[in-house]
Structures are given as structure tokens and as C-alpha cells.
C-alpha atoms as a PDB file:
ATOM      1  CA  MET A   1      21.431 -13.846  -5.476  1.00  0.00           C
ATOM      2  CA  ARG A   2      18.800 -16.196  -4.056  1.00  0.00           C
ATOM      3  CA  ARG A   3      20.703 -16.238  -0.765  1.00  0.00           C
ATOM      4  CA  GLY A   4      20.565 -12.445  -0.616  1.00  0.00           C
ATOM      5  CA  PHE A   5      16.791 -12.364  -0.981  1.00  0.00           C
ATOM      6  CA  TYR A   6      16.509 -15.152   1.605  1.00  0.00           C
ATOM      7  CA  LEU A   7      18.557 -13.091   4.078  1.00  0.00           C
ATOM      8  CA  MET A   8      16.608  -9.907   3.350  1.00  0.00           C
ATOM      9  CA  ALA A   9      13.251 -11.636   3.844  1.00  0.00           C
ATOM     10  CA  SER A  10      14.340 -13.490   6.982  1.00  0.00           C
ATOM     11  CA  SER A  11      15.947 -10.506   8.669  1.00  0.00           C
ATOM     12  CA  SER A  12      13.129  -8.081   7.823  1.00  0.00           C
ATOM     13  CA  LEU A  13      10.511 -10.528   9.132  1.00  0.00           C
ATOM     14  CA  ILE A  14      12.382 -11.050  12.403  1.00  0.00           C
ATOM     15  CA  ALA A  15      12.963  -7.304  12.741  1.00  0.00           C
ATOM     16  CA  LEU A  16       9.266  -6.654  12.140  1.00  0.00           C
ATOM     17  CA  ILE A  17       8.286  -9.132  14.856  1.00  0.00           C
ATOM     18  CA  PHE A  18      10.583  -7.409  17.352  1.00  0.00           C
ATOM     19  CA  LEU A  19       9.454  -3.960  16.224  1.00  0.00           C
ATOM     20  CA  CYS A  20       5.783  -4.845  16.772  1.00  0.00           C
ATOM     21  CA  LEU A  21       6.486  -6.171  20.252  1.00  0.00           C
ATOM     22  CA  ALA A  22       8.700  -3.266  21.295  1.00  0.00           C
ATOM     23  CA  TRP A  23       6.305  -0.709  19.834  1.00  0.00           C
ATOM     24  CA  GLU A  24       3.169  -1.961  21.572  1.00  0.00           C
ATOM     25  CA  LEU A  25       4.735  -3.061  24.848  1.00  0.00           C
ATOM     26  CA  ARG A  26       7.398  -0.438  25.533  1.00  0.00           C
ATOM     27  CA  LEU A  27       8.216   2.303  23.021  1.00  0.00           C
ATOM     28  CA  ALA A  28       4.840   3.855  22.156  1.00  0.00           C
ATOM     29  CA  PRO A  29       1.927   1.669  23.309  1.00  0.00           C
ATOM     30  CA  VAL A  30      -1.628   2.750  22.609  1.00  0.00           C
ATOM     31  CA  GLN A  31      -2.296   2.546  26.352  1.00  0.00           C
ATOM     32  CA  PRO A  32       0.311   3.230  29.053  1.00  0.00           C
ATOM     33  CA  GLY A  33       1.934   0.019  30.246  1.00  0.00           C
ATOM     34  CA  GLY A  34       1.365  -1.852  26.985  1.00  0.00           C
ATOM     35  CA  SER A  35      -1.668  -3.073  25.134  1.00  0.00           C
ATOM     36  CA  TRP A  36      -3.217  -6.144  23.602  1.00  0.00           C
ATOM     37  CA  LEU A  37      -2.248  -4.711  20.238  1.00  0.00           C
ATOM     38  CA  ALA A  38       1.109  -6.423  20.806  1.00  0.00           C
ATOM     39  CA  LEU A  39      -0.658  -9.604  19.699  1.00  0.00           C
ATOM     40  CA  LYS A  40      -0.510  -8.260  16.144  1.00  0.00           C
ATOM     41  CA  CYS A  41       2.915  -9.903  15.909  1.00  0.00           C
ATOM     42  CA  LEU A  42       1.402 -13.404  16.230  1.00  0.00           C
ATOM     43  CA  PRO A  43       0.422 -13.741  12.549  1.00  0.00           C
ATOM     44  CA  LEU A  44       4.054 -12.974  11.676  1.00  0.00           C
ATOM     45  CA  LEU A  45       5.150 -16.065  13.580  1.00  0.00           C
ATOM     46  CA  ALA A  46       3.112 -18.322  11.276  1.00  0.00           C
ATOM     47  CA  PRO A  47       5.424 -17.976   8.249  1.00  0.00           C
ATOM     48  CA  LEU A  48       8.656 -17.647  10.254  1.00  0.00           C
ATOM     49  CA  PHE A  49       9.822 -21.271  10.092  1.00  0.00           C
ATOM     50  CA  GLY A  50       8.830 -21.676   6.445  1.00  0.00           C
ATOM     51  CA  ILE A  51      10.752 -18.507   5.579  1.00  0.00           C
ATOM     52  CA  LEU A  52      13.800 -19.662   7.548  1.00  0.00           C
ATOM     53  CA  HIS A  53      13.671 -23.045   5.783  1.00  0.00           C
ATOM     54  CA  GLY A  54      13.360 -21.459   2.331  1.00  0.00           C
ATOM     55  CA  ARG A  55       9.944 -22.901   1.454  1.00  0.00           C
ATOM     56  CA  ARG A  56       8.733 -21.210  -1.712  1.00  0.00           C
ATOM     57  CA  TYR A  57       5.035 -21.603  -0.905  1.00  0.00           C
ATOM     58  CA  THR A  58       5.525 -19.816   2.418  1.00  0.00           C
ATOM     59  CA  TYR A  59       7.227 -16.932   0.638  1.00  0.00           C
ATOM     60  CA  GLN A  60       4.251 -16.701  -1.704  1.00  0.00           C
ATOM     61  CA  TRP A  61       1.507 -16.481   0.897  1.00  0.00           C
ATOM     62  CA  ALA A  62       3.564 -14.474   3.378  1.00  0.00           C
ATOM     63  CA  SER A  63       4.042 -11.792   0.718  1.00  0.00           C
ATOM     64  CA  MET A  64       0.251 -11.310   0.823  1.00  0.00           C
ATOM     65  CA  LEU A  65       0.100 -11.361   4.646  1.00  0.00           C
ATOM     66  CA  ILE A  66       2.738  -8.651   4.932  1.00  0.00           C
ATOM     67  CA  LEU A  67       0.518  -6.214   3.037  1.00  0.00           C
ATOM     68  CA  LEU A  68      -1.618  -5.922   6.192  1.00  0.00           C
ATOM     69  CA  TYR A  69       1.413  -4.617   8.077  1.00  0.00           C
ATOM     70  CA  PHE A  70       2.297  -2.294   5.221  1.00  0.00           C
ATOM     71  CA  THR A  71      -1.245  -0.885   5.368  1.00  0.00           C
ATOM     72  CA  GLU A  72      -1.121  -0.451   9.134  1.00  0.00           C
ATOM     73  CA  GLY A  73       2.226   1.294   8.842  1.00  0.00           C
ATOM     74  CA  ILE A  74       0.918   3.745   6.246  1.00  0.00           C
ATOM     75  CA  VAL A  75      -2.224   4.507   8.254  1.00  0.00           C
ATOM     76  CA  ARG A  76      -0.378   5.005  11.533  1.00  0.00           C
ATOM     77  CA  ALA A  77       2.418   6.999   9.887  1.00  0.00           C
ATOM     78  CA  THR A  78      -0.161   9.489   8.648  1.00  0.00           C
ATOM     79  CA  THR A  79      -2.254   9.638  11.828  1.00  0.00           C
ATOM     80  CA  GLU A  80       0.250   9.449  14.690  1.00  0.00           C
ATOM     81  CA  GLN A  81       2.821  11.935  15.919  1.00  0.00           C
ATOM     82  CA  GLY A  82       6.263  11.614  17.466  1.00  0.00           C
ATOM     83  CA  ILE A  83       7.850   8.234  18.047  1.00  0.00           C
ATOM     84  CA  GLY A  84       4.687   6.385  17.002  1.00  0.00           C
ATOM     85  CA  GLN A  85       4.957   7.958  13.578  1.00  0.00           C
ATOM     86  CA  TRP A  86       8.617   6.939  13.239  1.00  0.00           C
ATOM     87  CA  LEU A  87       7.841   3.386  14.329  1.00  0.00           C
ATOM     88  CA  ALA A  88       5.059   3.248  11.730  1.00  0.00           C
ATOM     89  CA  ILE A  89       7.498   4.401   9.046  1.00  0.00           C
ATOM     90  CA  ALA A  90       9.925   1.668  10.139  1.00  0.00           C
ATOM     91  CA  GLU A  91       7.100  -0.891   9.950  1.00  0.00           C
ATOM     92  CA  THR A  92       6.270   0.264   6.434  1.00  0.00           C
ATOM     93  CA  ILE A  93       9.897   0.022   5.303  1.00  0.00           C
ATOM     94  CA  LEU A  94      10.363  -3.450   6.818  1.00  0.00           C
ATOM     95  CA  ALA A  95       7.124  -4.640   5.201  1.00  0.00           C
ATOM     96  CA  LEU A  96       8.280  -3.324   1.814  1.00  0.00           C
ATOM     97  CA  ILE A  97      11.671  -5.012   2.167  1.00  0.00           C
ATOM     98  CA  PHE A  98      10.018  -8.296   3.101  1.00  0.00           C
ATOM     99  CA  PHE A  99       7.517  -8.052   0.262  1.00  0.00           C
ATOM    100  CA  GLY A 100      10.169  -7.316  -2.364  1.00  0.00           C
ATOM    101  CA  ALA A 101      12.538 -10.004  -1.109  1.00  0.00           C
ATOM    102  CA  SER A 102       9.743 -12.601  -0.882  1.00  0.00           C
ATOM    103  CA  VAL A 103       8.496 -11.959  -4.391  1.00  0.00           C
ATOM    104  CA  ALA A 104      12.052 -12.045  -5.756  1.00  0.00           C
ATOM    105  CA  PHE A 105      12.854 -15.265  -3.867  1.00  0.00           C
ATOM    106  CA  ALA A 106       9.666 -16.932  -5.113  1.00  0.00           C
ATOM    107  CA  ARG A 107      10.449 -15.928  -8.711  1.00  0.00           C
ATOM    108  CA  LEU A 108      14.027 -17.214  -8.498  1.00  0.00           C
ATOM    109  CA  THR A 109      12.977 -20.555  -7.042  1.00  0.00           C
ATOM    110  CA  ARG A 110      10.138 -21.345  -9.438  1.00  0.00           C
ATOM    111  CA  SER A 111      10.436 -24.506 -11.457  1.00  0.00           C
ATOM    112  CA  SER A 112      11.728 -24.283 -15.025  1.00  0.00           C
ATOM    113  CA  ALA A 113       8.471 -25.791 -16.354  1.00  0.00           C
ATOM    114  CA  HIS A 114       6.807 -22.351 -16.292  1.00  0.00           C
END
């Protein structure tokens, strides 16, 4: 079960990184030709290695970081049209998957002293 949450968190984080890059550089950039908004994927790189190595502390703080992407997805899903709206919905779904899997992984890996 722990392995399943690890895979869900890892894959959704990697997918979210690629989605952010593709969205802002190619699929539906704010400005034609891409924008600096593609740099929003950089904070997602910070927890990547800790998530891939199964570090509980990283799962804990990354579950708070991902709420920023969830919020952006909700805002842009309600304010954009067309492909931008669909990409925002995908961002929201990936953020929710990551959040749920991270919280579940952190709960399953807590020490028995609690």
C-alpha cells in the first residue's frame, strides 16, 4: 500500500512538472512564444529527489507546497477558456492526487511512537 502512494505521488509530481513546462512554453502560454511563467515549475523540483527517495519529511512539506498549484489551477480553470482551462483542470487534478498520496504516505510511514 505504501508503494502505491509512493508511485502516485512520484508520478503526479513529475507529470505536474512536465505539464507546467508544456503549458507555459508550448500549449497555451500567456504570451505567444512562451513566457517566464514557465519558471513556476522550479519550486516543484525542490521536493523531487526527496519524494523519489521516500523521505517522509519531504512528503510532509511538499503536501503544503502543492496547495499553491491547486489554487492556481482552480483560479485559472474558472478564468480561462479553451485549452488553458483544460490544462488548469489537469493541474488541479494532479495537485489533488499528489496531495492525497503525500498525506497517505506520510501517515503510513510515521513512527509507532505516536
